[in-house]
Amino acid sequence: SLDIERPTYTNLNRLISQIISSLTTSLRFDGAINVDVTEFQTNLVPYPRIHFMLSSYAPVISAEKAYHEQLSVPEITNAVFEPSSMMAKCDPRHGKYMACCLMYRGDVVPKDVNAAVATIKTKRTVQFVDWCPTGFKCGINYQPP
């Protein structure tokens, strides 16, 4: 989806830096619902021994497409759960989530986020373990990526 035939280390480093930058956006910029980095540990790690997080990022599109394509909040929300958006080679559709944190950047309103999360919960496209509350922690930051 980046339209790169043979990715280089520079391409990979740029993608990784974009993801890390997005994770720490709330420390640097203002937003409607800022999620602090410490809230990740509180909300995503139910037990200290279960502390491995899986990051995903969407949309992963080329710079040229980013200027022309306008994706909706539901499209971005659905895309983030696709295996192609995961930063580790795995298919989360074959497993279950314990918790989920969604961070949005740019021109996003809480109403759209709530509707997208409600749709995911209703359609049960994301499976959660039955021994943990099935909540989504959502953050919105006004600074676009």
Protein backbone atom coordinates (compact mmCIF):
# COMPACT_ATOMS: atom_id res chain seq x y z
CA SER A 1 0.00 0.00 0.00
CA LEU A 2 3.04 2.27 0.10
CA ASP A 3 3.64 1.63 -3.62
CA ILE A 4 7.28 0.74 -2.98
CA GLU A 5 8.53 -2.17 -5.05
CA ARG A 6 11.70 -2.85 -3.03
CA PRO A 7 11.58 -1.25 0.43
CA THR A 8 14.86 -0.05 1.91
CA TYR A 9 15.92 0.39 5.51
CA THR A 10 15.19 4.08 5.07
CA ASN A 11 11.58 3.26 4.14
CA LEU A 12 11.23 0.98 7.16
CA ASN A 13 12.81 3.53 9.50
CA ARG A 14 10.43 6.22 8.28
CA LEU A 15 7.43 3.98 8.90
CA ILE A 16 8.64 3.03 12.38
CA SER A 17 9.40 6.66 13.26
CA GLN A 18 5.90 7.67 12.12
CA ILE A 19 4.38 5.03 14.41
CA ILE A 20 6.49 5.99 17.44
CA SER A 21 5.74 9.65 16.76
CA SER A 22 2.03 8.87 16.74
CA LEU A 23 2.28 6.99 20.03
CA THR A 24 3.86 10.00 21.74
CA THR A 25 1.73 12.70 20.08
CA SER A 26 -0.28 13.34 23.24
CA LEU A 27 2.90 14.40 25.03
CA ARG A 28 3.62 17.06 22.42
CA PHE A 29 0.29 18.33 21.10
CA ASP A 30 -3.22 19.14 22.30
CA GLY A 31 -6.25 17.03 21.56
CA ALA A 32 -9.90 16.40 22.37
CA ILE A 33 -9.21 13.22 24.30
CA ASN A 34 -5.50 12.90 24.95
CA VAL A 35 -4.19 9.50 25.99
CA ASP A 36 -0.99 9.67 28.01
CA VAL A 37 1.69 7.03 27.51
CA THR A 38 1.28 5.90 31.13
CA GLU A 39 -2.37 5.16 30.38
CA PHE A 40 -1.21 2.49 27.93
CA GLN A 41 0.24 0.44 30.72
CA THR A 42 -2.75 1.02 32.98
CA ASN A 43 -5.35 0.17 30.35
CA LEU A 44 -3.60 -2.32 28.11
CA VAL A 45 -1.74 -4.51 30.61
CA PRO A 46 -4.21 -6.37 32.84
CA TYR A 47 -1.45 -8.28 34.67
CA PRO A 48 2.24 -7.34 34.94
CA ARG A 49 3.39 -10.68 33.50
CA ILE A 50 1.20 -10.20 30.42
CA HIS A 51 2.87 -7.11 29.07
CA PHE A 52 3.46 -7.59 25.36
CA MET A 53 1.64 -5.14 23.15
CA LEU A 54 0.97 -5.49 19.45
CA SER A 55 1.07 -2.23 17.53
CA SER A 56 -0.73 -1.55 14.33
CA TYR A 57 -1.00 1.57 12.20
CA ALA A 58 -3.52 2.71 9.63
CA PRO A 59 -3.73 3.99 7.05
CA VAL A 60 -0.37 2.95 5.62
CA ILE A 61 -0.50 4.71 2.26
CA SER A 62 1.98 6.50 0.05
CA ALA A 63 2.53 10.24 0.39
CA GLU A 64 0.92 10.78 -3.02
CA LYS A 65 -2.25 8.95 -1.99
CA ALA A 66 -2.37 10.75 1.35
CA TYR A 67 -2.93 14.07 -0.42
CA HIS A 68 -5.74 12.74 -2.60
CA GLU A 69 -7.56 10.11 -0.55
CA GLN A 70 -9.77 11.01 2.37
CA LEU A 71 -10.53 8.02 4.58
CA SER A 72 -13.42 8.02 7.03
CA VAL A 73 -13.09 7.17 10.72
CA PRO A 74 -14.86 3.79 10.26
CA GLU A 75 -12.53 2.92 7.36
CA ILE A 76 -9.44 3.75 9.42
CA THR A 77 -10.82 1.90 12.44
CA ASN A 78 -11.50 -1.24 10.41
CA ALA A 79 -8.12 -1.02 8.65
CA VAL A 80 -6.18 -0.95 11.91
CA PHE A 81 -7.38 -4.48 12.72
CA GLU A 82 -6.29 -5.92 9.36
CA PRO A 83 -3.20 -8.20 9.41
CA SER A 84 -1.51 -5.93 6.86
CA SER A 85 -1.59 -3.06 9.39
CA MET A 86 0.14 -5.03 12.15
CA MET A 87 3.74 -4.18 12.95
CA ALA A 88 4.48 -7.83 13.74
CA LYS A 89 3.81 -10.65 11.31
CA CYS A 90 0.74 -12.23 12.82
CA ASP A 91 -2.93 -12.59 12.14
CA PRO A 92 -4.90 -11.32 15.15
CA ARG A 93 -8.08 -12.80 13.70
CA HIS A 94 -6.84 -16.18 14.97
CA GLY A 95 -6.40 -14.89 18.52
CA LYS A 96 -8.13 -12.68 21.05
CA TYR A 97 -7.48 -9.25 22.44
CA MET A 98 -7.26 -8.46 26.14
CA ALA A 99 -7.53 -4.72 25.62
CA CYS A 100 -7.43 -2.20 22.80
CA CYS A 101 -6.31 1.41 22.55
CA LEU A 102 -7.17 3.44 19.46
CA MET A 103 -5.42 6.75 18.87
CA TYR A 104 -6.69 9.05 16.15
CA ARG A 105 -4.87 12.06 14.72
CA GLY A 106 -6.16 15.00 12.75
CA ASP A 107 -9.69 16.16 12.02
CA VAL A 108 -11.56 13.51 14.01
CA VAL A 109 -14.58 14.05 16.25
CA PRO A 110 -15.49 11.85 19.25
CA LYS A 111 -18.94 11.10 17.80
CA ASP A 112 -17.38 9.37 14.76
CA VAL A 113 -14.95 7.43 16.96
CA ASN A 114 -17.75 6.24 19.25
CA ALA A 115 -19.83 5.15 16.25
CA ALA A 116 -16.90 3.25 14.70
CA VAL A 117 -16.12 1.47 17.99
CA ALA A 118 -19.80 0.65 18.49
CA THR A 119 -19.91 -0.91 15.02
CA ILE A 120 -16.87 -3.06 15.77
CA LYS A 121 -18.40 -4.20 19.05
CA THR A 122 -21.76 -4.94 17.40
CA LYS A 123 -20.30 -6.88 14.48
CA ARG A 124 -17.86 -8.66 16.82
CA THR A 125 -15.07 -8.30 14.28
CA VAL A 126 -12.59 -8.08 17.15
CA GLN A 127 -12.61 -10.96 19.63
CA PHE A 128 -11.77 -10.33 23.30
CA VAL A 129 -10.90 -12.83 26.01
CA ASP A 130 -13.88 -13.59 28.22
CA TRP A 131 -12.05 -12.97 31.52
CA CYS A 132 -11.21 -9.32 30.84
CA PRO A 133 -13.48 -6.28 30.31
CA THR A 134 -13.93 -5.59 26.61
CA GLY A 135 -13.26 -1.90 26.57
CA PHE A 136 -11.65 0.34 24.03
CA LYS A 137 -9.45 3.20 25.19
CA CYS A 138 -9.70 5.95 22.58
CA GLY A 139 -7.60 9.06 22.13
CA ILE A 140 -7.94 11.93 19.70
CA ASN A 141 -5.20 14.41 18.88
CA TYR A 142 -5.76 17.38 16.60
CA GLN A 143 -2.27 17.26 15.08
CA PRO A 144 -2.45 15.37 11.75
CA PRO A 145 0.21 12.74 10.98
